[in-house]
Amino acid sequence: MKEMIYKYRILFIIGFVLLFLFGRNILIHRFSSESWQKYPEKRVDMVDDLLSKYELMGMTQEEVISLLGQSTDTEYFKTENNMVYYLGPERGLISIDSEWLVLEVQKNQITKVNILRD
């Protein structure tokens, strides 16, 4: 009987630890405008949630700025007709490059959404 209780305790502890780790991971990857603007180096963790929750294509530049803040001051991928947001180090085991959210703008509307690496 003691062995059975011991096994259940071990399983409970393992389950609790897994729930804590995966639950924390889900919260970290949730998009919020506040976190996006406050922690630019963590955007790479939030971008998938952002794109699943918001249809950026068709939004106006003002709507995007209201949601994401001003675009990153950079020359990477910058053209006259786009908005560029730094996401952070590229995902993967070896992060050599950075990832960027590049939004093309035509007539004050987002017409294309890309995630690019430098």
PDB file of N, CA and C in Angstrom:
ATOM      1  N   MET A   1       0.820  -1.193   0.000  1.00  0.00           N
ATOM      2  CA  MET A   1       0.000   0.000   0.000  1.00  0.00           C
ATOM      3  C   MET A   1       0.866   1.260   0.000  1.00  0.00           C
ATOM      4  N   LYS A   2       1.963   1.237   0.784  1.00  0.00           N
ATOM      5  CA  LYS A   2       2.858   2.392   0.833  1.00  0.00           C
ATOM      6  C   LYS A   2       3.499   2.656  -0.525  1.00  0.00           C
ATOM      7  N   GLU A   3       3.830   1.582  -1.216  1.00  0.00           N
ATOM      8  CA  GLU A   3       4.440   1.719  -2.540  1.00  0.00           C
ATOM      9  C   GLU A   3       3.463   2.401  -3.505  1.00  0.00           C
ATOM     10  N   MET A   4       2.192   2.079  -3.427  1.00  0.00           N
ATOM     11  CA  MET A   4       1.170   2.662  -4.294  1.00  0.00           C
ATOM     12  C   MET A   4       1.024   4.161  -4.008  1.00  0.00           C
ATOM     13  N   ILE A   5       1.004   4.526  -2.747  1.00  0.00           N
ATOM     14  CA  ILE A   5       0.902   5.937  -2.365  1.00  0.00           C
ATOM     15  C   ILE A   5       2.144   6.690  -2.846  1.00  0.00           C
ATOM     16  N   TYR A   6       3.295   6.080  -2.700  1.00  0.00           N
ATOM     17  CA  TYR A   6       4.544   6.692  -3.146  1.00  0.00           C
ATOM     18  C   TYR A   6       4.519   6.934  -4.658  1.00  0.00           C
ATOM     19  N   LYS A   7       4.049   5.946  -5.418  1.00  0.00           N
ATOM     20  CA  LYS A   7       3.962   6.080  -6.878  1.00  0.00           C
ATOM     21  C   LYS A   7       3.007   7.214  -7.265  1.00  0.00           C
ATOM     22  N   TYR A   8       1.862   7.294  -6.590  1.00  0.00           N
ATOM     23  CA  TYR A   8       0.895   8.361  -6.890  1.00  0.00           C
ATOM     24  C   TYR A   8       1.471   9.740  -6.568  1.00  0.00           C
ATOM     25  N   ARG A   9       2.216   9.816  -5.490  1.00  0.00           N
ATOM     26  CA  ARG A   9       2.850  11.094  -5.138  1.00  0.00           C
ATOM     27  C   ARG A   9       3.854  11.513  -6.208  1.00  0.00           C
ATOM     28  N   ILE A  10       4.648  10.583  -6.649  1.00  0.00           N
ATOM     29  CA  ILE A  10       5.642  10.857  -7.694  1.00  0.00           C
ATOM     30  C   ILE A  10       4.930  11.296  -8.975  1.00  0.00           C
ATOM     31  N   LEU A  11       3.883  10.573  -9.374  1.00  0.00           N
ATOM     32  CA  LEU A  11       3.131  10.950 -10.571  1.00  0.00           C
ATOM     33  C   LEU A  11       2.495  12.334 -10.422  1.00  0.00           C
ATOM     34  N   PHE A  12       1.976  12.634  -9.244  1.00  0.00           N
ATOM     35  CA  PHE A  12       1.376  13.939  -8.983  1.00  0.00           C
ATOM     36  C   PHE A  12       2.421  15.044  -9.119  1.00  0.00           C
ATOM     37  N   ILE A  13       3.600  14.830  -8.549  1.00  0.00           N
ATOM     38  CA  ILE A  13       4.670  15.827  -8.613  1.00  0.00           C
ATOM     39  C   ILE A  13       5.121  16.032 -10.057  1.00  0.00           C
ATOM     40  N   ILE A  14       5.306  14.949 -10.787  1.00  0.00           N
ATOM     41  CA  ILE A  14       5.706  15.053 -12.197  1.00  0.00           C
ATOM     42  C   ILE A  14       4.636  15.800 -12.996  1.00  0.00           C
ATOM     43  N   GLY A  15       3.383  15.459 -12.777  1.00  0.00           N
ATOM     44  CA  GLY A  15       2.281  16.140 -13.461  1.00  0.00           C
ATOM     45  C   GLY A  15       2.234  17.619 -13.135  1.00  0.00           C
ATOM     46  N   PHE A  16       2.415  17.954 -11.869  1.00  0.00           N
ATOM     47  CA  PHE A  16       2.406  19.355 -11.443  1.00  0.00           C
ATOM     48  C   PHE A  16       3.545  20.126 -12.106  1.00  0.00           C
ATOM     49  N   VAL A  17       4.735  19.554 -12.128  1.00  0.00           N
ATOM     50  CA  VAL A  17       5.890  20.213 -12.741  1.00  0.00           C
ATOM     51  C   VAL A  17       5.650  20.425 -14.237  1.00  0.00           C
ATOM     52  N   LEU A  18       5.143  19.413 -14.925  1.00  0.00           N
ATOM     53  CA  LEU A  18       4.859  19.546 -16.354  1.00  0.00           C
ATOM     54  C   LEU A  18       3.796  20.610 -16.614  1.00  0.00           C
ATOM     55  N   LEU A  19       2.757  20.612 -15.815  1.00  0.00           N
ATOM     56  CA  LEU A  19       1.707  21.615 -15.953  1.00  0.00           C
ATOM     57  C   LEU A  19       2.271  23.013 -15.734  1.00  0.00           C
ATOM     58  N   PHE A  20       3.119  23.167 -14.736  1.00  0.00           N
ATOM     59  CA  PHE A  20       3.746  24.460 -14.453  1.00  0.00           C
ATOM     60  C   PHE A  20       4.590  24.915 -15.633  1.00  0.00           C
ATOM     61  N   LEU A  21       5.429  24.023 -16.163  1.00  0.00           N
ATOM     62  CA  LEU A  21       6.317  24.401 -17.265  1.00  0.00           C
ATOM     63  C   LEU A  21       5.549  24.728 -18.536  1.00  0.00           C
ATOM     64  N   PHE A  22       4.590  23.874 -18.911  1.00  0.00           N
ATOM     65  CA  PHE A  22       3.833  24.114 -20.137  1.00  0.00           C
ATOM     66  C   PHE A  22       2.870  25.282 -19.975  1.00  0.00           C
ATOM     67  N   GLY A  23       2.266  25.421 -18.834  1.00  0.00           N
ATOM     68  CA  GLY A  23       1.360  26.542 -18.587  1.00  0.00           C
ATOM     69  C   GLY A  23       2.109  27.862 -18.627  1.00  0.00           C
ATOM     70  N   ARG A  24       3.277  27.897 -18.042  1.00  0.00           N
ATOM     71  CA  ARG A  24       4.117  29.098 -18.066  1.00  0.00           C
ATOM     72  C   ARG A  24       4.533  29.410 -19.492  1.00  0.00           C
ATOM     73  N   ASN A  25       4.859  28.404 -20.248  1.00  0.00           N
ATOM     74  CA  ASN A  25       5.273  28.576 -21.637  1.00  0.00           C
ATOM     75  C   ASN A  25       4.140  29.187 -22.462  1.00  0.00           C
ATOM     76  N   ILE A  26       2.924  28.749 -22.240  1.00  0.00           N
ATOM     77  CA  ILE A  26       1.775  29.290 -22.963  1.00  0.00           C
ATOM     78  C   ILE A  26       1.581  30.758 -22.613  1.00  0.00           C
ATOM     79  N   LEU A  27       1.704  31.119 -21.343  1.00  0.00           N
ATOM     80  CA  LEU A  27       1.536  32.509 -20.932  1.00  0.00           C
ATOM     81  C   LEU A  27       2.624  33.403 -21.516  1.00  0.00           C
ATOM     82  N   ILE A  28       3.834  32.916 -21.587  1.00  0.00           N
ATOM     83  CA  ILE A  28       4.941  33.690 -22.136  1.00  0.00           C
ATOM     84  C   ILE A  28       4.702  33.996 -23.607  1.00  0.00           C
ATOM     85  N   HIS A  29       4.093  33.079 -24.326  1.00  0.00           N
ATOM     86  CA  HIS A  29       3.907  33.238 -25.758  1.00  0.00           C
ATOM     87  C   HIS A  29       2.632  33.985 -26.132  1.00  0.00           C
ATOM     88  N   ARG A  30       1.855  34.414 -25.170  1.00  0.00           N
ATOM     89  CA  ARG A  30       0.632  35.169 -25.456  1.00  0.00           C
ATOM     90  C   ARG A  30       0.972  36.594 -25.853  1.00  0.00           C
ATOM     91  N   PHE A  31       0.294  37.077 -26.905  1.00  0.00           N
ATOM     92  CA  PHE A  31       0.499  38.447 -27.356  1.00  0.00           C
ATOM     93  C   PHE A  31      -0.314  39.420 -26.517  1.00  0.00           C
ATOM     94  N   SER A  32       0.302  40.533 -26.167  1.00  0.00           N
ATOM     95  CA  SER A  32      -0.403  41.688 -25.628  1.00  0.00           C
ATOM     96  C   SER A  32       0.345  42.917 -26.118  1.00  0.00           C
ATOM     97  N   SER A  33      -0.391  43.969 -26.424  1.00  0.00           N
ATOM     98  CA  SER A  33       0.243  45.205 -26.905  1.00  0.00           C
ATOM     99  C   SER A  33       1.271  45.717 -25.907  1.00  0.00           C
ATOM    100  N   GLU A  34       0.918  45.637 -24.634  1.00  0.00           N
ATOM    101  CA  GLU A  34       1.815  46.133 -23.586  1.00  0.00           C
ATOM    102  C   GLU A  34       3.136  45.362 -23.579  1.00  0.00           C
ATOM    103  N   SER A  35       3.069  44.030 -23.588  1.00  0.00           N
ATOM    104  CA  SER A  35       4.288  43.210 -23.579  1.00  0.00           C
ATOM    105  C   SER A  35       5.085  43.402 -24.865  1.00  0.00           C
ATOM    106  N   TRP A  36       4.397  43.493 -25.992  1.00  0.00           N
ATOM    107  CA  TRP A  36       5.042  43.691 -27.294  1.00  0.00           C
ATOM    108  C   TRP A  36       5.913  44.949 -27.262  1.00  0.00           C
ATOM    109  N   GLN A  37       5.356  46.017 -26.729  1.00  0.00           N
ATOM    110  CA  GLN A  37       6.077  47.281 -26.728  1.00  0.00           C
ATOM    111  C   GLN A  37       7.127  47.351 -25.615  1.00  0.00           C
ATOM    112  N   LYS A  38       6.866  46.697 -24.506  1.00  0.00           N
ATOM    113  CA  LYS A  38       7.775  46.753 -23.353  1.00  0.00           C
ATOM    114  C   LYS A  38       8.980  45.824 -23.503  1.00  0.00           C
ATOM    115  N   TYR A  39       8.782  44.657 -24.144  1.00  0.00           N
ATOM    116  CA  TYR A  39       9.847  43.655 -24.263  1.00  0.00           C
ATOM    117  C   TYR A  39      10.097  43.291 -25.728  1.00  0.00           C
ATOM    118  N   PRO A  40      10.731  44.165 -26.505  1.00  0.00           N
ATOM    119  CA  PRO A  40      10.930  43.879 -27.936  1.00  0.00           C
ATOM    120  C   PRO A  40      11.731  42.608 -28.207  1.00  0.00           C
ATOM    121  N   GLU A  41      12.611  42.220 -27.291  1.00  0.00           N
ATOM    122  CA  GLU A  41      13.410  41.006 -27.505  1.00  0.00           C
ATOM    123  C   GLU A  41      12.591  39.733 -27.331  1.00  0.00           C
ATOM    124  N   LYS A  42      11.376  39.839 -26.770  1.00  0.00           N
ATOM    125  CA  LYS A  42      10.497  38.681 -26.571  1.00  0.00           C
ATOM    126  C   LYS A  42       9.411  38.577 -27.648  1.00  0.00           C
ATOM    127  N   ARG A  43       9.423  39.494 -28.604  1.00  0.00           N
ATOM    128  CA  ARG A  43       8.386  39.493 -29.642  1.00  0.00           C
ATOM    129  C   ARG A  43       8.374  38.212 -30.457  1.00  0.00           C
ATOM    130  N   VAL A  44       9.538  37.610 -30.629  1.00  0.00           N
ATOM    131  CA  VAL A  44       9.610  36.375 -31.402  1.00  0.00           C
ATOM    132  C   VAL A  44       8.750  35.281 -30.767  1.00  0.00           C
ATOM    133  N   ASP A  45       8.580  35.348 -29.443  1.00  0.00           N
ATOM    134  CA  ASP A  45       7.744  34.380 -28.746  1.00  0.00           C
ATOM    135  C   ASP A  45       6.253  34.697 -28.883  1.00  0.00           C
ATOM    136  N   MET A  46       5.938  35.951 -29.186  1.00  0.00           N
ATOM    137  CA  MET A  46       4.543  36.398 -29.241  1.00  0.00           C
ATOM    138  C   MET A  46       3.976  36.493 -30.653  1.00  0.00           C
ATOM    139  N   VAL A  47       4.857  36.504 -31.660  1.00  0.00           N
ATOM    140  CA  VAL A  47       4.403  36.831 -33.008  1.00  0.00           C
ATOM    141  C   VAL A  47       3.377  35.827 -33.557  1.00  0.00           C
ATOM    142  N   ASP A  48       3.538  34.546 -33.268  1.00  0.00           N
ATOM    143  CA  ASP A  48       2.580  33.556 -33.764  1.00  0.00           C
ATOM    144  C   ASP A  48       1.192  33.782 -33.164  1.00  0.00           C
ATOM    145  N   ASP A  49       1.146  34.109 -31.875  1.00  0.00           N
ATOM    146  CA  ASP A  49      -0.129  34.400 -31.226  1.00  0.00           C
ATOM    147  C   ASP A  49      -0.732  35.676 -31.807  1.00  0.00           C
ATOM    148  N   LEU A  50       0.103  36.676 -32.036  1.00  0.00           N
ATOM    149  CA  LEU A  50      -0.357  37.920 -32.664  1.00  0.00           C
ATOM    150  C   LEU A  50      -1.028  37.632 -34.004  1.00  0.00           C
ATOM    151  N   LEU A  51      -0.339  36.883 -34.858  1.00  0.00           N
ATOM    152  CA  LEU A  51      -0.857  36.616 -36.202  1.00  0.00           C
ATOM    153  C   LEU A  51      -2.090  35.722 -36.193  1.00  0.00           C
ATOM    154  N   SER A  52      -2.244  34.904 -35.159  1.00  0.00           N
ATOM    155  CA  SER A  52      -3.444  34.062 -35.087  1.00  0.00           C
ATOM    156  C   SER A  52      -4.645  34.842 -34.552  1.00  0.00           C
ATOM    157  N   LYS A  53      -4.397  35.884 -33.769  1.00  0.00           N
ATOM    158  CA  LYS A  53      -5.485  36.658 -33.170  1.00  0.00           C
ATOM    159  C   LYS A  53      -5.908  37.861 -34.004  1.00  0.00           C
ATOM    160  N   TYR A  54      -4.981  38.436 -34.755  1.00  0.00           N
ATOM    161  CA  TYR A  54      -5.254  39.678 -35.478  1.00  0.00           C
ATOM    162  C   TYR A  54      -4.982  39.499 -36.967  1.00  0.00           C
ATOM    163  N   GLU A  55      -5.899  39.967 -37.774  1.00  0.00           N
ATOM    164  CA  GLU A  55      -5.728  39.978 -39.227  1.00  0.00           C
ATOM    165  C   GLU A  55      -5.080  41.310 -39.581  1.00  0.00           C
ATOM    166  N   LEU A  56      -3.755  41.314 -39.670  1.00  0.00           N
ATOM    167  CA  LEU A  56      -3.035  42.553 -39.939  1.00  0.00           C
ATOM    168  C   LEU A  56      -3.289  43.056 -41.351  1.00  0.00           C
ATOM    169  N   MET A  57      -3.425  42.133 -42.292  1.00  0.00           N
ATOM    170  CA  MET A  57      -3.713  42.550 -43.666  1.00  0.00           C
ATOM    171  C   MET A  57      -5.068  43.252 -43.686  1.00  0.00           C
ATOM    172  N   GLY A  58      -5.066  44.428 -44.290  1.00  0.00           N
ATOM    173  CA  GLY A  58      -6.284  45.209 -44.359  1.00  0.00           C
ATOM    174  C   GLY A  58      -6.361  46.278 -43.285  1.00  0.00           C
ATOM    175  N   MET A  59      -5.549  46.141 -42.231  1.00  0.00           N
ATOM    176  CA  MET A  59      -5.520  47.182 -41.205  1.00  0.00           C
ATOM    177  C   MET A  59      -4.857  48.441 -41.774  1.00  0.00           C
ATOM    178  N   THR A  60      -5.196  49.589 -41.211  1.00  0.00           N
ATOM    179  CA  THR A  60      -4.521  50.825 -41.587  1.00  0.00           C
ATOM    180  C   THR A  60      -3.230  50.946 -40.788  1.00  0.00           C
ATOM    181  N   GLN A  61      -2.351  51.831 -41.226  1.00  0.00           N
ATOM    182  CA  GLN A  61      -1.105  52.055 -40.492  1.00  0.00           C
ATOM    183  C   GLN A  61      -1.405  52.515 -39.068  1.00  0.00           C
ATOM    184  N   GLU A  62      -2.393  53.361 -38.914  1.00  0.00           N
ATOM    185  CA  GLU A  62      -2.747  53.864 -37.587  1.00  0.00           C
ATOM    186  C   GLU A  62      -3.219  52.732 -36.666  1.00  0.00           C
ATOM    187  N   GLU A  63      -3.988  51.788 -37.209  1.00  0.00           N
ATOM    188  CA  GLU A  63      -4.451  50.648 -36.412  1.00  0.00           C
ATOM    189  C   GLU A  63      -3.277  49.783 -35.965  1.00  0.00           C
ATOM    190  N   VAL A  64      -2.317  49.579 -36.884  1.00  0.00           N
ATOM    191  CA  VAL A  64      -1.131  48.779 -36.545  1.00  0.00           C
ATOM    192  C   VAL A  64      -0.305  49.489 -35.481  1.00  0.00           C
ATOM    193  N   ILE A  65      -0.119  50.797 -35.625  1.00  0.00           N
ATOM    194  CA  ILE A  65       0.648  51.552 -34.634  1.00  0.00           C
ATOM    195  C   ILE A  65      -0.052  51.516 -33.280  1.00  0.00           C
ATOM    196  N   SER A  66      -1.368  51.578 -33.300  1.00  0.00           N
ATOM    197  CA  SER A  66      -2.124  51.494 -32.051  1.00  0.00           C
ATOM    198  C   SER A  66      -1.930  50.129 -31.387  1.00  0.00           C
ATOM    199  N   LEU A  67      -1.831  49.075 -32.183  1.00  0.00           N
ATOM    200  CA  LEU A  67      -1.674  47.714 -31.675  1.00  0.00           C
ATOM    201  C   LEU A  67      -0.230  47.394 -31.299  1.00  0.00           C
ATOM    202  N   LEU A  68       0.728  47.759 -32.173  1.00  0.00           N
ATOM    203  CA  LEU A  68       2.120  47.331 -32.018  1.00  0.00           C
ATOM    204  C   LEU A  68       3.093  48.445 -31.635  1.00  0.00           C
ATOM    205  N   GLY A  69       2.639  49.688 -31.686  1.00  0.00           N
ATOM    206  CA  GLY A  69       3.544  50.803 -31.449  1.00  0.00           C
ATOM    207  C   GLY A  69       4.264  51.178 -32.732  1.00  0.00           C
ATOM    208  N   GLN A  70       5.162  52.143 -32.630  1.00  0.00           N
ATOM    209  CA  GLN A  70       5.929  52.585 -33.788  1.00  0.00           C
ATOM    210  C   GLN A  70       6.838  51.466 -34.276  1.00  0.00           C
ATOM    211  N   SER A  71       7.083  51.433 -35.582  1.00  0.00           N
ATOM    212  CA  SER A  71       7.970  50.412 -36.123  1.00  0.00           C
ATOM    213  C   SER A  71       9.395  50.658 -35.636  1.00  0.00           C
ATOM    214  N   THR A  72      10.207  49.625 -35.713  1.00  0.00           N
ATOM    215  CA  THR A  72      11.583  49.671 -35.240  1.00  0.00           C
ATOM    216  C   THR A  72      12.408  50.581 -36.138  1.00  0.00           C
ATOM    217  N   ASP A  73      13.235  51.418 -35.532  1.00  0.00           N
ATOM    218  CA  ASP A  73      14.113  52.314 -36.275  1.00  0.00           C
ATOM    219  C   ASP A  73      15.311  51.501 -36.759  1.00  0.00           C
ATOM    220  N   THR A  74      15.240  51.047 -38.008  1.00  0.00           N
ATOM    221  CA  THR A  74      16.277  50.185 -38.576  1.00  0.00           C
ATOM    222  C   THR A  74      16.324  50.351 -40.084  1.00  0.00           C
ATOM    223  N   GLU A  75      17.433  49.957 -40.652  1.00  0.00           N
ATOM    224  CA  GLU A  75      17.561  49.945 -42.116  1.00  0.00           C
ATOM    225  C   GLU A  75      17.258  48.548 -42.683  1.00  0.00           C
ATOM    226  N   TYR A  76      17.208  47.537 -41.803  1.00  0.00           N
ATOM    227  CA  TYR A  76      16.900  46.181 -42.270  1.00  0.00           C
ATOM    228  C   TYR A  76      15.504  46.148 -42.891  1.00  0.00           C
ATOM    229  N   PHE A  77      15.437  45.711 -44.130  1.00  0.00           N
ATOM    230  CA  PHE A  77      14.185  45.496 -44.854  1.00  0.00           C
ATOM    231  C   PHE A  77      13.348  46.769 -45.017  1.00  0.00           C
ATOM    232  N   LYS A  78      13.865  47.914 -44.625  1.00  0.00           N
ATOM    233  CA  LYS A  78      13.084  49.152 -44.653  1.00  0.00           C
ATOM    234  C   LYS A  78      13.011  49.702 -46.066  1.00  0.00           C
ATOM    235  N   THR A  79      11.782  49.976 -46.513  1.00  0.00           N
ATOM    236  CA  THR A  79      11.548  50.671 -47.771  1.00  0.00           C
ATOM    237  C   THR A  79      10.575  51.803 -47.483  1.00  0.00           C
ATOM    238  N   GLU A  80      10.252  52.538 -48.493  1.00  0.00           N
ATOM    239  CA  GLU A  80       9.332  53.659 -48.324  1.00  0.00           C
ATOM    240  C   GLU A  80       7.927  53.198 -47.946  1.00  0.00           C
ATOM    241  N   ASN A  81       7.560  52.001 -48.395  1.00  0.00           N
ATOM    242  CA  ASN A  81       6.184  51.522 -48.212  1.00  0.00           C
ATOM    243  C   ASN A  81       6.071  50.313 -47.295  1.00  0.00           C
ATOM    244  N   ASN A  82       6.787  50.327 -46.180  1.00  0.00           N
ATOM    245  CA  ASN A  82       6.595  49.221 -45.249  1.00  0.00           C
ATOM    246  C   ASN A  82       6.839  49.647 -43.808  1.00  0.00           C
ATOM    247  N   MET A  83       6.470  48.753 -42.919  1.00  0.00           N
ATOM    248  CA  MET A  83       6.705  48.921 -41.486  1.00  0.00           C
ATOM    249  C   MET A  83       7.482  47.692 -41.040  1.00  0.00           C
ATOM    250  N   VAL A  84       8.509  47.891 -40.220  1.00  0.00           N
ATOM    251  CA  VAL A  84       9.378  46.794 -39.806  1.00  0.00           C
ATOM    252  C   VAL A  84       9.435  46.750 -38.274  1.00  0.00           C
ATOM    253  N   TYR A  85       9.243  45.556 -37.715  1.00  0.00           N
ATOM    254  CA  TYR A  85       9.304  45.358 -36.262  1.00  0.00           C
ATOM    255  C   TYR A  85      10.323  44.272 -35.943  1.00  0.00           C
ATOM    256  N   TYR A  86      11.263  44.615 -35.070  1.00  0.00           N
ATOM    257  CA  TYR A  86      12.247  43.640 -34.595  1.00  0.00           C
ATOM    258  C   TYR A  86      11.538  42.625 -33.706  1.00  0.00           C
ATOM    259  N   LEU A  87      11.793  41.322 -33.945  1.00  0.00           N
ATOM    260  CA  LEU A  87      11.163  40.268 -33.154  1.00  0.00           C
ATOM    261  C   LEU A  87      12.110  39.657 -32.130  1.00  0.00           C
ATOM    262  N   GLY A  88      13.402  39.672 -32.409  1.00  0.00           N
ATOM    263  CA  GLY A  88      14.364  39.064 -31.505  1.00  0.00           C
ATOM    264  C   GLY A  88      15.207  38.036 -32.225  1.00  0.00           C
ATOM    265  N   PRO A  89      16.047  37.321 -31.482  1.00  0.00           N
ATOM    266  CA  PRO A  89      16.884  36.284 -32.092  1.00  0.00           C
ATOM    267  C   PRO A  89      16.021  35.202 -32.742  1.00  0.00           C
ATOM    268  N   GLU A  90      16.491  34.699 -33.876  1.00  0.00           N
ATOM    269  CA  GLU A  90      15.712  33.699 -34.593  1.00  0.00           C
ATOM    270  C   GLU A  90      15.445  32.473 -33.724  1.00  0.00           C
ATOM    271  N   ARG A  91      14.312  31.849 -33.993  1.00  0.00           N
ATOM    272  CA  ARG A  91      13.952  30.638 -33.258  1.00  0.00           C
ATOM    273  C   ARG A  91      14.801  29.482 -33.749  1.00  0.00           C
ATOM    274  N   GLY A  92      15.056  28.557 -32.874  1.00  0.00           N
ATOM    275  CA  GLY A  92      15.838  27.391 -33.250  1.00  0.00           C
ATOM    276  C   GLY A  92      16.985  27.175 -32.274  1.00  0.00           C
ATOM    277  N   LEU A  93      17.699  26.093 -32.503  1.00  0.00           N
ATOM    278  CA  LEU A  93      18.786  25.727 -31.612  1.00  0.00           C
ATOM    279  C   LEU A  93      19.938  26.720 -31.666  1.00  0.00           C
ATOM    280  N   ILE A  94      20.317  27.101 -32.873  1.00  0.00           N
ATOM    281  CA  ILE A  94      21.426  28.029 -33.052  1.00  0.00           C
ATOM    282  C   ILE A  94      20.858  29.323 -33.625  1.00  0.00           C
ATOM    283  N   SER A  95      20.864  30.373 -32.820  1.00  0.00           N
ATOM    284  CA  SER A  95      20.303  31.659 -33.231  1.00  0.00           C
ATOM    285  C   SER A  95      21.420  32.575 -33.721  1.00  0.00           C
ATOM    286  N   ILE A  96      21.639  32.571 -35.016  1.00  0.00           N
ATOM    287  CA  ILE A  96      22.678  33.409 -35.604  1.00  0.00           C
ATOM    288  C   ILE A  96      22.075  34.752 -36.039  1.00  0.00           C
ATOM    289  N   ASP A  97      20.900  34.691 -36.617  1.00  0.00           N
ATOM    290  CA  ASP A  97      20.259  35.886 -37.159  1.00  0.00           C
ATOM    291  C   ASP A  97      19.147  36.378 -36.244  1.00  0.00           C
ATOM    292  N   SER A  98      18.503  37.447 -36.693  1.00  0.00           N
ATOM    293  CA  SER A  98      17.328  37.983 -36.006  1.00  0.00           C
ATOM    294  C   SER A  98      16.111  37.794 -36.898  1.00  0.00           C
ATOM    295  N   GLU A  99      14.933  37.799 -36.279  1.00  0.00           N
ATOM    296  CA  GLU A  99      13.689  37.724 -37.043  1.00  0.00           C
ATOM    297  C   GLU A  99      13.018  39.091 -37.005  1.00  0.00           C
ATOM    298  N   TRP A 100      12.308  39.406 -38.098  1.00  0.00           N
ATOM    299  CA  TRP A 100      11.666  40.705 -38.268  1.00  0.00           C
ATOM    300  C   TRP A 100      10.274  40.508 -38.835  1.00  0.00           C
ATOM    301  N   LEU A 101       9.329  41.283 -38.344  1.00  0.00           N
ATOM    302  CA  LEU A 101       7.983  41.325 -38.909  1.00  0.00           C
ATOM    303  C   LEU A 101       7.963  42.496 -39.879  1.00  0.00           C
ATOM    304  N   VAL A 102       7.714  42.195 -41.166  1.00  0.00           N
ATOM    305  CA  VAL A 102       7.719  43.222 -42.202  1.00  0.00           C
ATOM    306  C   VAL A 102       6.314  43.316 -42.788  1.00  0.00           C
ATOM    307  N   LEU A 103       5.729  44.512 -42.678  1.00  0.00           N
ATOM    308  CA  LEU A 103       4.379  44.766 -43.164  1.00  0.00           C
ATOM    309  C   LEU A 103       4.449  45.728 -44.340  1.00  0.00           C
ATOM    310  N   GLU A 104       3.992  45.275 -45.512  1.00  0.00           N
ATOM    311  CA  GLU A 104       3.964  46.160 -46.677  1.00  0.00           C
ATOM    312  C   GLU A 104       2.694  46.986 -46.645  1.00  0.00           C
ATOM    313  N   VAL A 105       2.834  48.269 -47.022  1.00  0.00           N
ATOM    314  CA  VAL A 105       1.722  49.218 -46.958  1.00  0.00           C
ATOM    315  C   VAL A 105       1.461  49.805 -48.342  1.00  0.00           C
ATOM    316  N   GLN A 106       0.206  49.739 -48.765  1.00  0.00           N
ATOM    317  CA  GLN A 106      -0.242  50.378 -50.000  1.00  0.00           C
ATOM    318  C   GLN A 106      -1.498  51.170 -49.680  1.00  0.00           C
ATOM    319  N   LYS A 107      -1.501  52.454 -50.003  1.00  0.00           N
ATOM    320  CA  LYS A 107      -2.660  53.323 -49.761  1.00  0.00           C
ATOM    321  C   LYS A 107      -3.137  53.239 -48.316  1.00  0.00           C
ATOM    322  N   ASN A 108      -2.190  53.311 -47.390  1.00  0.00           N
ATOM    323  CA  ASN A 108      -2.448  53.315 -45.946  1.00  0.00           C
ATOM    324  C   ASN A 108      -3.047  52.015 -45.410  1.00  0.00           C
ATOM    325  N   GLN A 109      -2.960  50.921 -46.167  1.00  0.00           N
ATOM    326  CA  GLN A 109      -3.441  49.622 -45.689  1.00  0.00           C
ATOM    327  C   GLN A 109      -2.343  48.586 -45.808  1.00  0.00           C
ATOM    328  N   ILE A 110      -2.317  47.679 -44.839  1.00  0.00           N
ATOM    329  CA  ILE A 110      -1.348  46.581 -44.871  1.00  0.00           C
ATOM    330  C   ILE A 110      -1.785  45.604 -45.956  1.00  0.00           C
ATOM    331  N   THR A 111      -0.876  45.332 -46.891  1.00  0.00           N
ATOM    332  CA  THR A 111      -1.198  44.439 -48.007  1.00  0.00           C
ATOM    333  C   THR A 111      -0.410  43.129 -47.973  1.00  0.00           C
ATOM    334  N   LYS A 112       0.639  43.074 -47.150  1.00  0.00           N
ATOM    335  CA  LYS A 112       1.438  41.853 -47.089  1.00  0.00           C
ATOM    336  C   LYS A 112       2.103  41.772 -45.721  1.00  0.00           C
ATOM    337  N   VAL A 113       2.160  40.556 -45.172  1.00  0.00           N
ATOM    338  CA  VAL A 113       2.768  40.312 -43.861  1.00  0.00           C
ATOM    339  C   VAL A 113       3.826  39.231 -44.029  1.00  0.00           C
ATOM    340  N   ASN A 114       5.048  39.527 -43.624  1.00  0.00           N
ATOM    341  CA  ASN A 114       6.158  38.576 -43.730  1.00  0.00           C
ATOM    342  C   ASN A 114       6.959  38.530 -42.439  1.00  0.00           C
ATOM    343  N   ILE A 115       7.470  37.353 -42.130  1.00  0.00           N
ATOM    344  CA  ILE A 115       8.483  37.224 -41.084  1.00  0.00           C
ATOM    345  C   ILE A 115       9.770  36.859 -41.802  1.00  0.00           C
ATOM    346  N   LEU A 116      10.779  37.730 -41.670  1.00  0.00           N
ATOM    347  CA  LEU A 116      12.035  37.551 -42.381  1.00  0.00           C
ATOM    348  C   LEU A 116      13.199  37.472 -41.406  1.00  0.00           C
ATOM    349  N   ARG A 117      14.312  36.898 -41.878  1.00  0.00           N
ATOM    350  CA  ARG A 117      15.555  36.822 -41.097  1.00  0.00           C
ATOM    351  C   ARG A 117      16.603  37.672 -41.774  1.00  0.00           C
ATOM    352  N   ASP A 118      17.441  38.301 -40.948  1.00  0.00           N
ATOM    353  CA  ASP A 118      18.525  39.103 -41.543  1.00  0.00           C
ATOM    354  C   ASP A 118      19.778  38.294 -41.719  1.00  0.00           C
TER     355      ASP A 118
END
